[in-house]
């Protein structure tokens, strides 16, 4: 019997990218959501380096970052509308039909739509989706065919989506930011290795 490929495969080093991009920090914009956990950490690192940030949110949503706040009105939220039935089917899990959940998914749509490459901190599941609500952001990035990287806290490694599989980045070949507009999102339950991974992403880029 032919062995099925694993969900996570190791990277071919020929596809790796060199450290340092030569990009000017003042030209970059981070698109995020300002929520506790990964999003707050992306924002804190952007501020530390003088990188502009835009945090999409909506009235009544609990966030911890106020820098670059962009409160979406009801018409703007509709532009990012998505069927919860569709998302549930796509993600192989049920999303509650609550107005708040719909707005969360709509605001994530803005993050991914504005980012030219996407960085997520969380956990890759066996069905190749990313755990939690931000998993929708990863799936939308796949649909848009945007460069997508996930730091899996459980595996303690970065992975890149290659249109079919999650491919592990070897040590010394972790991702760097290569686009002026990038999105940073992920779990509220940020662990120490996830925090270090976000900080190291910025440091590698500007080393």
C-alpha atoms as a PDB file:
ATOM      1  CA  UNK A   1       0.000   0.000   0.000  1.00  0.00           C
ATOM      2  CA  UNK A   2       1.321   3.416  -0.941  1.00  0.00           C
ATOM      3  CA  UNK A   3       2.079   5.510   2.108  1.00  0.00           C
ATOM      4  CA  UNK A   4       0.092   8.721   2.331  1.00  0.00           C
ATOM      5  CA  UNK A   5       2.122  11.928   2.703  1.00  0.00           C
ATOM      6  CA  UNK A   6       2.089  13.383   6.192  1.00  0.00           C
ATOM      7  CA  UNK A   7       0.244  16.612   6.938  1.00  0.00           C
ATOM      8  CA  UNK A   8       3.573  18.209   7.841  1.00  0.00           C
ATOM      9  CA  UNK A   9       6.544  17.757   5.551  1.00  0.00           C
ATOM     10  CA  UNK A  10      10.075  19.073   5.857  1.00  0.00           C
ATOM     11  CA  UNK A  11      11.251  21.861   3.612  1.00  0.00           C
ATOM     12  CA  UNK A  12      13.581  21.468   0.674  1.00  0.00           C
ATOM     13  CA  UNK A  13      16.390  23.860   1.560  1.00  0.00           C
ATOM     14  CA  UNK A  14      16.683  24.977  -2.078  1.00  0.00           C
ATOM     15  CA  UNK A  15      13.461  26.924  -1.513  1.00  0.00           C
ATOM     16  CA  UNK A  16      14.796  28.745   1.539  1.00  0.00           C
ATOM     17  CA  UNK A  17      15.201  32.496   1.838  1.00  0.00           C
ATOM     18  CA  UNK A  18      18.251  34.400   3.048  1.00  0.00           C
ATOM     19  CA  UNK A  19      18.216  36.472   6.197  1.00  0.00           C
ATOM     20  CA  UNK A  20      17.790  40.214   5.891  1.00  0.00           C
ATOM     21  CA  UNK A  21      15.707  41.962   3.249  1.00  0.00           C
ATOM     22  CA  UNK A  22      17.052  45.481   3.159  1.00  0.00           C
ATOM     23  CA  UNK A  23      13.518  46.834   3.553  1.00  0.00           C
ATOM     24  CA  UNK A  24      13.096  50.056   5.499  1.00  0.00           C
ATOM     25  CA  UNK A  25      11.015  49.606   8.631  1.00  0.00           C
ATOM     26  CA  UNK A  26       9.252  52.926   8.102  1.00  0.00           C
ATOM     27  CA  UNK A  27       7.765  51.587   4.845  1.00  0.00           C
ATOM     28  CA  UNK A  28       6.147  48.523   6.407  1.00  0.00           C
ATOM     29  CA  UNK A  29       2.604  48.183   7.737  1.00  0.00           C
ATOM     30  CA  UNK A  30       1.395  45.403  10.034  1.00  0.00           C
ATOM     31  CA  UNK A  31      -2.294  44.507   9.724  1.00  0.00           C
ATOM     32  CA  UNK A  32      -3.684  42.828  12.816  1.00  0.00           C
ATOM     33  CA  UNK A  33      -6.562  42.905  15.293  1.00  0.00           C
ATOM     34  CA  UNK A  34      -5.106  44.124  18.584  1.00  0.00           C
ATOM     35  CA  UNK A  35      -6.509  41.186  20.576  1.00  0.00           C
ATOM     36  CA  UNK A  36      -4.817  39.643  23.578  1.00  0.00           C
ATOM     37  CA  UNK A  37      -2.142  37.070  22.780  1.00  0.00           C
ATOM     38  CA  UNK A  38      -0.464  36.740  19.384  1.00  0.00           C
ATOM     39  CA  UNK A  39      -1.992  39.878  17.862  1.00  0.00           C
ATOM     40  CA  UNK A  40      -0.892  42.035  20.792  1.00  0.00           C
ATOM     41  CA  UNK A  41       2.616  40.584  20.544  1.00  0.00           C
ATOM     42  CA  UNK A  42       2.844  41.293  16.798  1.00  0.00           C
ATOM     43  CA  UNK A  43       1.757  44.856  17.526  1.00  0.00           C
ATOM     44  CA  UNK A  44       4.207  45.342  20.396  1.00  0.00           C
ATOM     45  CA  UNK A  45       7.106  44.235  18.190  1.00  0.00           C
ATOM     46  CA  UNK A  46       5.977  46.489  15.370  1.00  0.00           C
ATOM     47  CA  UNK A  47       5.851  49.458  17.748  1.00  0.00           C
ATOM     48  CA  UNK A  48       9.266  48.568  19.212  1.00  0.00           C
ATOM     49  CA  UNK A  49      10.795  48.800  15.734  1.00  0.00           C
ATOM     50  CA  UNK A  50       8.809  51.831  14.596  1.00  0.00           C
ATOM     51  CA  UNK A  51       6.667  49.858  12.131  1.00  0.00           C
ATOM     52  CA  UNK A  52       3.198  51.232  11.425  1.00  0.00           C
ATOM     53  CA  UNK A  53       0.296  49.034  12.479  1.00  0.00           C
ATOM     54  CA  UNK A  54      -3.404  48.916  11.644  1.00  0.00           C
ATOM     55  CA  UNK A  55      -5.638  47.039  14.075  1.00  0.00           C
ATOM     56  CA  UNK A  56      -9.083  46.225  12.681  1.00  0.00           C
ATOM     57  CA  UNK A  57     -11.859  45.952  15.240  1.00  0.00           C
ATOM     58  CA  UNK A  58     -15.525  46.797  15.792  1.00  0.00           C
ATOM     59  CA  UNK A  59     -17.610  48.467  18.462  1.00  0.00           C
ATOM     60  CA  UNK A  60     -17.878  46.353  21.611  1.00  0.00           C
ATOM     61  CA  UNK A  61     -14.938  44.071  20.809  1.00  0.00           C
ATOM     62  CA  UNK A  62     -12.407  43.579  23.611  1.00  0.00           C
ATOM     63  CA  UNK A  63      -8.855  44.384  22.500  1.00  0.00           C
ATOM     64  CA  UNK A  64      -5.651  45.306  24.302  1.00  0.00           C
ATOM     65  CA  UNK A  65      -3.865  47.458  21.703  1.00  0.00           C
ATOM     66  CA  UNK A  66      -5.041  50.920  20.687  1.00  0.00           C
ATOM     67  CA  UNK A  67      -2.210  51.932  18.349  1.00  0.00           C
ATOM     68  CA  UNK A  68      -3.372  52.215  14.739  1.00  0.00           C
ATOM     69  CA  UNK A  69      -6.921  51.389  15.726  1.00  0.00           C
ATOM     70  CA  UNK A  70      -9.371  51.061  12.845  1.00  0.00           C
ATOM     71  CA  UNK A  71     -12.970  50.617  13.997  1.00  0.00           C
ATOM     72  CA  UNK A  72     -15.038  49.108  11.189  1.00  0.00           C
ATOM     73  CA  UNK A  73     -18.575  50.412  10.775  1.00  0.00           C
ATOM     74  CA  UNK A  74     -21.535  48.205   9.873  1.00  0.00           C
ATOM     75  CA  UNK A  75     -21.210  48.851   6.121  1.00  0.00           C
ATOM     76  CA  UNK A  76     -17.501  48.003   6.142  1.00  0.00           C
ATOM     77  CA  UNK A  77     -18.142  44.842   8.121  1.00  0.00           C
ATOM     78  CA  UNK A  78     -20.626  43.752   5.456  1.00  0.00           C
ATOM     79  CA  UNK A  79     -17.840  43.989   2.865  1.00  0.00           C
ATOM     80  CA  UNK A  80     -16.033  41.240   4.751  1.00  0.00           C
ATOM     81  CA  UNK A  81     -19.172  39.181   5.287  1.00  0.00           C
ATOM     82  CA  UNK A  82     -18.891  35.440   5.043  1.00  0.00           C
ATOM     83  CA  UNK A  83     -21.363  32.633   5.514  1.00  0.00           C
ATOM     84  CA  UNK A  84     -20.811  30.923   8.848  1.00  0.00           C
ATOM     85  CA  UNK A  85     -22.184  27.757   7.253  1.00  0.00           C
ATOM     86  CA  UNK A  86     -19.512  27.992   4.553  1.00  0.00           C
ATOM     87  CA  UNK A  87     -16.747  28.657   7.081  1.00  0.00           C
ATOM     88  CA  UNK A  88     -17.913  25.774   9.272  1.00  0.00           C
ATOM     89  CA  UNK A  89     -17.842  23.417   6.290  1.00  0.00           C
ATOM     90  CA  UNK A  90     -14.449  24.678   5.147  1.00  0.00           C
ATOM     91  CA  UNK A  91     -12.944  24.359   8.631  1.00  0.00           C
ATOM     92  CA  UNK A  92     -14.593  21.039   9.536  1.00  0.00           C
ATOM     93  CA  UNK A  93     -16.007  22.546  12.707  1.00  0.00           C
ATOM     94  CA  UNK A  94     -19.098  24.409  13.807  1.00  0.00           C
ATOM     95  CA  UNK A  95     -19.038  28.160  14.349  1.00  0.00           C
ATOM     96  CA  UNK A  96     -21.790  29.664  16.455  1.00  0.00           C
ATOM     97  CA  UNK A  97     -24.299  31.801  14.555  1.00  0.00           C
ATOM     98  CA  UNK A  98     -23.759  34.763  16.881  1.00  0.00           C
ATOM     99  CA  UNK A  99     -23.453  38.372  15.638  1.00  0.00           C
ATOM    100  CA  UNK A 100     -20.174  38.731  17.520  1.00  0.00           C
ATOM    101  CA  UNK A 101     -18.588  35.698  15.846  1.00  0.00           C
ATOM    102  CA  UNK A 102     -19.676  36.994  12.457  1.00  0.00           C
ATOM    103  CA  UNK A 103     -18.040  40.358  13.182  1.00  0.00           C
ATOM    104  CA  UNK A 104     -14.849  38.658  14.352  1.00  0.00           C
ATOM    105  CA  UNK A 105     -14.636  36.727  11.071  1.00  0.00           C
ATOM    106  CA  UNK A 106     -15.419  39.892   9.117  1.00  0.00           C
ATOM    107  CA  UNK A 107     -12.612  41.804  10.869  1.00  0.00           C
ATOM    108  CA  UNK A 108     -10.177  38.932  10.218  1.00  0.00           C
ATOM    109  CA  UNK A 109     -11.160  39.187   6.540  1.00  0.00           C
ATOM    110  CA  UNK A 110      -9.806  42.763   6.562  1.00  0.00           C
ATOM    111  CA  UNK A 111      -6.499  41.678   8.088  1.00  0.00           C
ATOM    112  CA  UNK A 112      -5.901  39.001   5.477  1.00  0.00           C
ATOM    113  CA  UNK A 113      -7.245  41.063   2.581  1.00  0.00           C
ATOM    114  CA  UNK A 114      -4.782  43.881   3.333  1.00  0.00           C
ATOM    115  CA  UNK A 115      -1.761  41.704   4.068  1.00  0.00           C
ATOM    116  CA  UNK A 116       0.452  40.596   1.180  1.00  0.00           C
ATOM    117  CA  UNK A 117       1.826  37.766   3.314  1.00  0.00           C
ATOM    118  CA  UNK A 118       0.313  36.201   6.416  1.00  0.00           C
ATOM    119  CA  UNK A 119       1.841  35.089   9.723  1.00  0.00           C
ATOM    120  CA  UNK A 120      -0.185  33.084  12.235  1.00  0.00           C
ATOM    121  CA  UNK A 121       0.733  31.678  15.652  1.00  0.00           C
ATOM    122  CA  UNK A 122      -1.303  28.694  16.831  1.00  0.00           C
ATOM    123  CA  UNK A 123      -1.584  24.982  16.141  1.00  0.00           C
ATOM    124  CA  UNK A 124      -1.957  23.050  12.889  1.00  0.00           C
ATOM    125  CA  UNK A 125      -4.562  20.306  13.172  1.00  0.00           C
ATOM    126  CA  UNK A 126      -4.600  16.883  11.505  1.00  0.00           C
ATOM    127  CA  UNK A 127      -7.068  18.121   8.853  1.00  0.00           C
ATOM    128  CA  UNK A 128      -4.529  20.831   7.839  1.00  0.00           C
ATOM    129  CA  UNK A 129      -6.598  23.688   9.284  1.00  0.00           C
ATOM    130  CA  UNK A 130      -5.386  25.926  12.098  1.00  0.00           C
ATOM    131  CA  UNK A 131      -7.035  25.640  15.489  1.00  0.00           C
ATOM    132  CA  UNK A 132      -9.396  28.359  16.733  1.00  0.00           C
ATOM    133  CA  UNK A 133     -11.143  31.349  15.207  1.00  0.00           C
ATOM    134  CA  UNK A 134      -7.988  32.629  13.552  1.00  0.00           C
ATOM    135  CA  UNK A 135      -7.993  29.392  11.571  1.00  0.00           C
ATOM    136  CA  UNK A 136     -10.406  31.211   9.257  1.00  0.00           C
ATOM    137  CA  UNK A 137      -7.664  33.746   8.553  1.00  0.00           C
ATOM    138  CA  UNK A 138      -5.307  30.972   7.487  1.00  0.00           C
ATOM    139  CA  UNK A 139      -7.962  29.383   5.255  1.00  0.00           C
ATOM    140  CA  UNK A 140      -8.788  32.722   3.653  1.00  0.00           C
ATOM    141  CA  UNK A 141      -5.071  33.259   2.979  1.00  0.00           C
ATOM    142  CA  UNK A 142      -5.014  29.865   1.235  1.00  0.00           C
ATOM    143  CA  UNK A 143      -8.025  30.842  -0.894  1.00  0.00           C
ATOM    144  CA  UNK A 144      -6.283  34.108  -1.848  1.00  0.00           C
ATOM    145  CA  UNK A 145      -3.063  32.208  -2.632  1.00  0.00           C
ATOM    146  CA  UNK A 146      -1.026  34.460  -0.338  1.00  0.00           C
ATOM    147  CA  UNK A 147       2.266  33.398   1.289  1.00  0.00           C
ATOM    148  CA  UNK A 148       1.172  31.813   4.572  1.00  0.00           C
ATOM    149  CA  UNK A 149       3.298  30.870   7.569  1.00  0.00           C
ATOM    150  CA  UNK A 150       2.186  29.328  10.855  1.00  0.00           C
ATOM    151  CA  UNK A 151       4.251  28.967  13.999  1.00  0.00           C
ATOM    152  CA  UNK A 152       2.925  25.801  15.628  1.00  0.00           C
ATOM    153  CA  UNK A 153       3.411  26.212  19.373  1.00  0.00           C
ATOM    154  CA  UNK A 154       2.948  22.500  20.041  1.00  0.00           C
ATOM    155  CA  UNK A 155       5.601  21.461  17.486  1.00  0.00           C
ATOM    156  CA  UNK A 156       7.751  24.508  18.271  1.00  0.00           C
ATOM    157  CA  UNK A 157       8.450  25.226  14.601  1.00  0.00           C
ATOM    158  CA  UNK A 158       7.437  27.411  11.659  1.00  0.00           C
ATOM    159  CA  UNK A 159       5.526  25.896   8.727  1.00  0.00           C
ATOM    160  CA  UNK A 160       4.745  27.222   5.256  1.00  0.00           C
ATOM    161  CA  UNK A 161       1.693  26.271   3.223  1.00  0.00           C
ATOM    162  CA  UNK A 162       2.788  25.041  -0.231  1.00  0.00           C
ATOM    163  CA  UNK A 163      -0.758  24.844  -1.681  1.00  0.00           C
ATOM    164  CA  UNK A 164      -1.076  21.179  -0.646  1.00  0.00           C
ATOM    165  CA  UNK A 165       0.783  20.563   2.612  1.00  0.00           C
ATOM    166  CA  UNK A 166       2.314  22.300   5.596  1.00  0.00           C
ATOM    167  CA  UNK A 167       6.071  22.238   5.121  1.00  0.00           C
ATOM    168  CA  UNK A 168       8.329  22.639   8.134  1.00  0.00           C
ATOM    169  CA  UNK A 169      11.024  25.306   7.980  1.00  0.00           C
ATOM    170  CA  UNK A 170      14.365  23.981   9.153  1.00  0.00           C
ATOM    171  CA  UNK A 171      16.270  25.727  11.934  1.00  0.00           C
ATOM    172  CA  UNK A 172      18.230  28.557  10.383  1.00  0.00           C
ATOM    173  CA  UNK A 173      15.690  28.822   7.566  1.00  0.00           C
ATOM    174  CA  UNK A 174      12.752  30.310   9.414  1.00  0.00           C
ATOM    175  CA  UNK A 175      10.629  32.880   7.537  1.00  0.00           C
ATOM    176  CA  UNK A 176      11.414  36.561   7.212  1.00  0.00           C
ATOM    177  CA  UNK A 177       9.074  39.387   6.235  1.00  0.00           C
ATOM    178  CA  UNK A 178       9.453  40.138   2.517  1.00  0.00           C
ATOM    179  CA  UNK A 179       6.386  42.282   1.748  1.00  0.00           C
ATOM    180  CA  UNK A 180       5.647  45.827   2.839  1.00  0.00           C
ATOM    181  CA  UNK A 181       2.119  44.942   3.936  1.00  0.00           C
ATOM    182  CA  UNK A 182       1.903  41.875   6.169  1.00  0.00           C
ATOM    183  CA  UNK A 183      -0.680  40.435   8.539  1.00  0.00           C
ATOM    184  CA  UNK A 184       0.066  39.015  11.986  1.00  0.00           C
ATOM    185  CA  UNK A 185      -2.598  37.127  13.896  1.00  0.00           C
ATOM    186  CA  UNK A 186      -3.147  33.996  15.958  1.00  0.00           C
ATOM    187  CA  UNK A 187      -4.191  32.494  19.233  1.00  0.00           C
ATOM    188  CA  UNK A 188      -5.112  34.387  22.375  1.00  0.00           C
ATOM    189  CA  UNK A 189      -3.313  31.648  24.317  1.00  0.00           C
ATOM    190  CA  UNK A 190       0.204  32.737  23.429  1.00  0.00           C
ATOM    191  CA  UNK A 191       2.942  30.593  24.963  1.00  0.00           C
ATOM    192  CA  UNK A 192       6.535  31.622  25.601  1.00  0.00           C
ATOM    193  CA  UNK A 193       7.826  29.855  22.482  1.00  0.00           C
ATOM    194  CA  UNK A 194       5.205  31.675  20.399  1.00  0.00           C
ATOM    195  CA  UNK A 195       6.233  34.998  21.916  1.00  0.00           C
ATOM    196  CA  UNK A 196       9.879  34.296  21.107  1.00  0.00           C
ATOM    197  CA  UNK A 197       8.978  33.203  17.561  1.00  0.00           C
ATOM    198  CA  UNK A 198       7.221  36.512  16.843  1.00  0.00           C
ATOM    199  CA  UNK A 199      10.099  38.575  18.205  1.00  0.00           C
ATOM    200  CA  UNK A 200      12.641  36.497  16.273  1.00  0.00           C
ATOM    201  CA  UNK A 201      10.643  36.965  13.039  1.00  0.00           C
ATOM    202  CA  UNK A 202      11.118  40.724  13.288  1.00  0.00           C
ATOM    203  CA  UNK A 203      14.762  40.437  14.345  1.00  0.00           C
ATOM    204  CA  UNK A 204      15.652  38.101  11.449  1.00  0.00           C
ATOM    205  CA  UNK A 205      13.999  40.444   8.980  1.00  0.00           C
ATOM    206  CA  UNK A 206      16.012  43.453  10.063  1.00  0.00           C
ATOM    207  CA  UNK A 207      19.301  41.777  10.990  1.00  0.00           C
END
